[in-house]
Each structure stands twice: as structure tokens, then as C-alpha cells.
Amino acid sequence: MTAIILAGGFGTRLQSVVKDIPKPMANINGKPFLEYLLQYLSLLDITSIILSVGYKQEVIKNYFKDSYKSMQIKYSCEDAPLGTGGAIKQAFGLLDTHENVLVLNGDTFFNLDINHFKDVSKSKELSIALKPMKDFKRYGSVEVNNNMVTSFKEKCFVKDGLINAGVYLINPSLIKKMDNVVFSFEDFLENQKNIGFYTEDSYFVDIGVPEDYAQAQLDFKELF
């Protein structure tokens, strides 16, 4: 199985504590955050990785080069920002497969059972991993019914709901529906029907703000 990791982010909100490097390369206890993601994927049935890179991409390329453990690494390079949707579309251009591909954000970690996610999503063109959360307003919420996503809600305070954890299973057939070159994948999702989902109440962190970046320093000592 192949995984695409979106690692081109600038990390505007994190610039006060992480400067002059791509956000996924933020230091967590002596190693880049992205290395923990690759370590996690190396324990699964993943044979190749495509890193979608943009801002200061040479930092990522020089660190990881063309492999991590037994996984081959290729790079999908943005000469100009493509948005998350454009980055996914371009990365798929490096693939020759009819199988579902795992797509992850390079600045979040969701410790879900990827193999179970894959098993329950086999028949779907697009599936999304959801994380139950309480008392949140930083994230938009996702509403579901009868094994399908029904809507994506804007950010507001939610007492008890589901968030998009930034992990997807995408079939290459979906890419043919992407007409634009530069676009947000999140906006694209809002116009799709028949989106499957998988919910798991496992550890989740998004290092996009200094508070959660600091929390990851503590949590990863236990997790890894």
C-alpha cells in the first residue's frame, strides 16, 4: 500500500516557536514530527511513501532522502502552493495503481488502526477517519448518518461531536473528478456524495498551534 503525506505546510501559527523549516519538520524530543509519522507507517502494510513538499522542501529531502526503513520515498514538489487538493492531485500523478491510497496530513498524528480502516473502506471511493471529541471549537465538525458523511460544519463550539482527523483512503478514480489545479481538498469534500467514514477514539494531535505542539513533546515520550 502507498501513503501520501501532505508535508508542504508553512505553519504560520507555529512560527513563534518553529522558524524557517516546514511545519512537519518541527522538532519533537530531538526528531522531526514527520519522522514519527513515518515510524508509525513503517509498522503497517505500507511499502512506499510520497511526500508532497513545498515550503523549504530541501530540508525534508536532505533529511529523509529516498527511503525510511523498508519504505521507498518519492517527492511530489510544489513549485507554487497548490492547496491541499492540488497537492493530492499532483501526488497521485506519480502513482500507477487502481487500489486505495492512504492520505495523511503531515502536521497531525492520529493513532488509529489503519488496517481496520482499510478493511471497512474497501468498497468506497473516498473514506475519512473521524475522531470523537468533546468541548471543542478549534475544528469543524462532521455529521454522519447510515454509514455516510452527511455534512461538514464550520468551526464553532461543539459539546460532543466528530472531527475530521486528516486521514483519508482515496481511490485513484476520485482524482478524475478534480477539475481544478489549485484548490482545497476540504472544500472539495463538501461537494462529494457517498463519503464513507471510520470512527476511532484514539490519540490525536495537531501541532499547528504552540499549545498542542508543546503537548506533543510530552505525549510522544509515552507513545513512541
Protein backbone atom coordinates (compact mmCIF):
# COMPACT_ATOMS: atom_id res chain seq x y z
CA MET A 1 0.00 0.00 0.00
CA THR A 2 1.11 3.56 -0.74
CA ALA A 3 0.74 6.55 1.58
CA ILE A 4 0.77 10.20 0.55
CA ILE A 5 1.79 12.67 3.26
CA LEU A 6 0.99 16.36 2.77
CA ALA A 7 4.18 17.99 4.05
CA GLY A 8 4.22 21.32 2.25
CA GLY A 9 2.78 23.48 5.01
CA PHE A 10 4.31 26.78 6.07
CA GLY A 11 2.94 26.73 9.61
CA THR A 12 2.01 30.38 10.10
CA ARG A 13 0.53 29.89 13.59
CA LEU A 14 3.59 27.93 14.70
CA GLN A 15 6.19 30.49 13.59
CA SER A 16 6.60 31.86 17.11
CA VAL A 17 8.20 28.58 18.23
CA VAL A 18 9.23 26.82 14.98
CA LYS A 19 11.08 29.05 12.50
CA ASP A 20 12.49 28.59 8.98
CA ILE A 21 11.56 24.95 8.50
CA PRO A 22 8.48 23.19 7.11
CA LYS A 23 5.89 22.56 9.83
CA PRO A 24 6.16 18.73 9.59
CA MET A 25 9.87 19.07 10.45
CA ALA A 26 9.11 20.68 13.82
CA ASN A 27 11.35 19.14 16.48
CA ILE A 28 9.68 16.72 18.88
CA ASN A 29 12.14 15.46 21.50
CA GLY A 30 15.07 15.53 19.10
CA LYS A 31 13.34 14.20 15.96
CA PRO A 32 11.14 15.81 13.30
CA PHE A 33 7.41 15.29 13.76
CA LEU A 34 7.34 13.78 10.27
CA GLU A 35 9.74 11.05 11.34
CA TYR A 36 7.25 9.86 13.95
CA LEU A 37 4.60 9.62 11.23
CA LEU A 38 6.93 7.53 9.08
CA GLN A 39 7.82 5.35 12.06
CA TYR A 40 4.11 4.70 12.62
CA LEU A 41 3.53 3.86 8.95
CA SER A 42 6.57 1.56 8.82
CA LEU A 43 4.79 -0.79 11.23
CA LEU A 44 1.90 -1.21 8.79
CA ASP A 45 1.49 -2.69 5.32
CA ILE A 46 3.00 0.41 3.68
CA THR A 47 5.69 -0.14 1.06
CA SER A 48 6.06 3.32 -0.45
CA ILE A 49 5.62 6.93 0.60
CA ILE A 50 5.02 10.04 -1.47
CA LEU A 51 5.91 13.21 0.38
CA SER A 52 4.10 16.23 -1.05
CA VAL A 53 6.52 19.07 -0.32
CA GLY A 54 6.58 22.80 -0.92
CA TYR A 55 7.94 25.35 1.54
CA LYS A 56 11.68 24.75 2.16
CA GLN A 57 11.32 21.32 0.61
CA GLU A 58 15.07 20.78 0.54
CA VAL A 59 15.04 20.43 4.35
CA ILE A 60 12.78 17.38 4.06
CA LYS A 61 14.58 15.91 1.05
CA ASN A 62 18.02 16.22 2.65
CA TYR A 63 16.84 14.59 5.86
CA PHE A 64 14.87 11.61 4.53
CA LYS A 65 16.41 11.17 1.08
CA ASP A 66 14.85 8.22 -0.82
CA SER A 67 13.84 5.76 1.90
CA TYR A 68 12.82 5.28 5.50
CA LYS A 69 13.41 1.82 6.91
CA SER A 70 11.87 -0.53 4.28
CA MET A 71 9.68 2.14 2.64
CA GLN A 72 10.64 3.86 -0.60
CA ILE A 73 10.17 7.65 -0.63
CA LYS A 74 9.29 9.77 -3.66
CA TYR A 75 8.66 13.50 -3.70
CA SER A 76 5.82 15.46 -5.27
CA CYS A 77 7.17 19.01 -5.39
CA GLU A 78 5.04 22.15 -5.50
CA ASP A 79 6.74 24.99 -7.35
CA ALA A 80 3.90 27.22 -6.15
CA PRO A 81 1.25 26.47 -3.50
CA LEU A 82 -1.45 24.14 -4.87
CA GLY A 83 -3.69 23.88 -1.82
CA THR A 84 -4.34 20.54 -0.17
CA GLY A 85 -6.49 19.34 -3.06
CA GLY A 86 -4.00 20.34 -5.72
CA ALA A 87 -1.20 18.70 -3.74
CA ILE A 88 -3.12 15.41 -3.52
CA LYS A 89 -3.97 15.51 -7.21
CA GLN A 90 -0.34 16.12 -8.20
CA ALA A 91 0.95 13.37 -5.90
CA PHE A 92 -1.43 10.84 -7.46
CA GLY A 93 0.24 11.63 -10.78
CA LEU A 94 3.28 9.72 -9.52
CA LEU A 95 1.23 6.56 -8.94
CA ASP A 96 0.20 3.70 -11.18
CA THR A 97 -2.40 1.89 -9.10
CA HIS A 98 -6.09 1.09 -9.01
CA GLU A 99 -6.01 0.46 -5.25
CA ASN A 100 -7.00 2.85 -2.49
CA VAL A 101 -4.22 5.13 -1.29
CA LEU A 102 -3.76 6.36 2.26
CA VAL A 103 -3.50 10.15 2.51
CA LEU A 104 -2.40 11.93 5.69
CA ASN A 105 -1.66 15.45 6.84
CA GLY A 106 1.98 15.94 7.75
CA ASP A 107 1.22 18.02 10.84
CA THR A 108 -1.25 15.72 12.60
CA PHE A 109 -0.99 12.29 14.16
CA PHE A 110 -3.99 10.02 14.68
CA ASN A 111 -3.11 6.71 16.27
CA LEU A 112 -5.86 4.74 14.56
CA ASP A 113 -5.95 1.16 13.34
CA ILE A 114 -5.10 1.78 9.68
CA ASN A 115 -5.63 -1.85 8.69
CA HIS A 116 -9.15 -1.85 10.13
CA PHE A 117 -9.83 1.48 8.44
CA LYS A 118 -8.72 -0.10 5.17
CA ASP A 119 -10.85 -3.21 5.65
CA VAL A 120 -14.09 -1.33 6.30
CA SER A 121 -13.45 1.10 3.43
CA LYS A 122 -12.70 -1.35 0.60
CA SER A 123 -15.85 -0.58 -1.37
CA LYS A 124 -15.63 3.20 -1.03
CA GLU A 125 -14.08 5.63 -3.49
CA LEU A 126 -13.41 8.01 -0.61
CA SER A 127 -13.38 7.40 3.14
CA ILE A 128 -12.43 9.67 6.00
CA ALA A 129 -11.17 8.89 9.51
CA LEU A 130 -13.09 10.68 12.27
CA LYS A 131 -12.12 11.36 15.87
CA PRO A 132 -14.76 11.79 18.61
CA MET A 133 -14.09 14.94 20.64
CA LYS A 134 -15.74 16.90 23.43
CA ASP A 135 -15.89 20.64 24.13
CA PHE A 136 -14.02 21.84 21.04
CA LYS A 137 -14.12 24.91 18.83
CA ARG A 138 -10.77 24.75 17.03
CA TYR A 139 -12.04 22.23 14.48
CA GLY A 140 -15.05 21.98 12.24
CA SER A 141 -17.36 19.06 12.96
CA VAL A 142 -18.57 16.24 10.74
CA GLU A 143 -22.10 14.87 10.78
CA VAL A 144 -22.85 11.29 9.75
CA ASN A 145 -25.82 9.02 9.24
CA ASN A 146 -26.29 5.46 7.93
CA ASN A 147 -22.59 4.85 7.29
CA MET A 148 -22.20 8.02 5.23
CA VAL A 149 -20.94 11.52 5.90
CA THR A 150 -23.89 13.91 5.60
CA SER A 151 -22.27 17.31 6.17
CA PHE A 152 -19.23 19.30 7.25
CA LYS A 153 -19.87 22.11 9.72
CA GLU A 154 -17.87 25.31 10.17
CA LYS A 155 -15.74 25.85 13.26
CA CYS A 156 -17.81 26.70 16.34
CA PHE A 157 -18.09 25.39 19.87
CA VAL A 158 -19.33 21.79 19.92
CA LYS A 159 -20.11 19.97 23.15
CA ASP A 160 -19.81 16.47 21.72
CA GLY A 161 -19.03 15.63 18.10
CA LEU A 162 -16.73 14.21 15.44
CA ILE A 163 -13.79 15.95 13.76
CA ASN A 164 -12.01 15.24 10.51
CA ALA A 165 -8.70 13.74 11.67
CA GLY A 166 -6.97 14.38 8.33
CA VAL A 167 -6.58 10.72 7.33
CA TYR A 168 -8.23 9.51 4.12
CA LEU A 169 -8.46 6.47 1.89
CA ILE A 170 -8.78 7.67 -1.70
CA ASN A 171 -9.28 5.63 -4.84
CA PRO A 172 -7.50 6.95 -7.95
CA SER A 173 -10.89 7.15 -9.69
CA LEU A 174 -11.73 10.11 -7.43
CA ILE A 175 -8.86 12.14 -8.89
CA LYS A 176 -10.64 12.24 -12.24
CA LYS A 177 -13.35 14.33 -10.58
CA MET A 178 -10.85 17.01 -9.61
CA ASP A 179 -11.07 19.67 -12.32
CA ASN A 180 -9.00 22.44 -10.73
CA VAL A 181 -5.24 22.67 -10.33
CA VAL A 182 -5.15 24.80 -7.18
CA PHE A 183 -7.86 24.03 -4.62
CA SER A 184 -8.64 22.99 -1.07
CA PHE A 185 -9.38 19.31 -0.53
CA GLU A 186 -11.63 20.26 2.37
CA ASP A 187 -13.76 22.38 0.01
CA PHE A 188 -13.80 19.52 -2.48
CA LEU A 189 -15.10 17.17 0.22
CA GLU A 190 -18.12 19.36 0.87
CA ASN A 191 -19.36 18.74 -2.68
CA GLN A 192 -18.91 14.96 -2.67
CA LYS A 193 -21.57 12.35 -2.11
CA ASN A 194 -21.19 8.84 -0.70
CA ILE A 195 -18.22 9.59 1.54
CA GLY A 196 -17.57 6.67 3.84
CA PHE A 197 -16.16 7.11 7.32
CA TYR A 198 -14.39 5.25 10.08
CA THR A 199 -14.53 6.44 13.68
CA GLU A 200 -11.97 5.62 16.34
CA ASP A 201 -11.44 7.23 19.73
CA SER A 202 -7.64 7.07 19.71
CA TYR A 203 -4.91 9.59 20.45
CA PHE A 204 -4.92 12.62 18.14
CA VAL A 205 -2.72 15.71 17.98
CA ASP A 206 -2.46 18.62 15.56
CA ILE A 207 0.79 20.55 16.11
CA GLY A 208 -0.46 23.61 14.23
CA VAL A 209 -0.61 25.82 17.33
CA PRO A 210 2.10 26.29 20.00
CA GLU A 211 -0.01 24.81 22.82
CA ASP A 212 -0.59 21.50 21.06
CA TYR A 213 2.98 21.43 19.77
CA ALA A 214 4.16 21.66 23.39
CA GLN A 215 1.71 18.93 24.42
CA ALA A 216 3.06 16.63 21.71
CA GLN A 217 6.51 16.89 23.27
CA LEU A 218 5.10 15.29 26.41
CA ASP A 219 2.74 12.81 24.77
CA PHE A 220 5.26 11.37 22.33
CA LYS A 221 7.53 10.30 25.19
CA GLU A 222 4.78 7.86 26.12
CA LEU A 223 3.61 6.93 22.61
CA PHE A 224 6.97 6.26 21.00
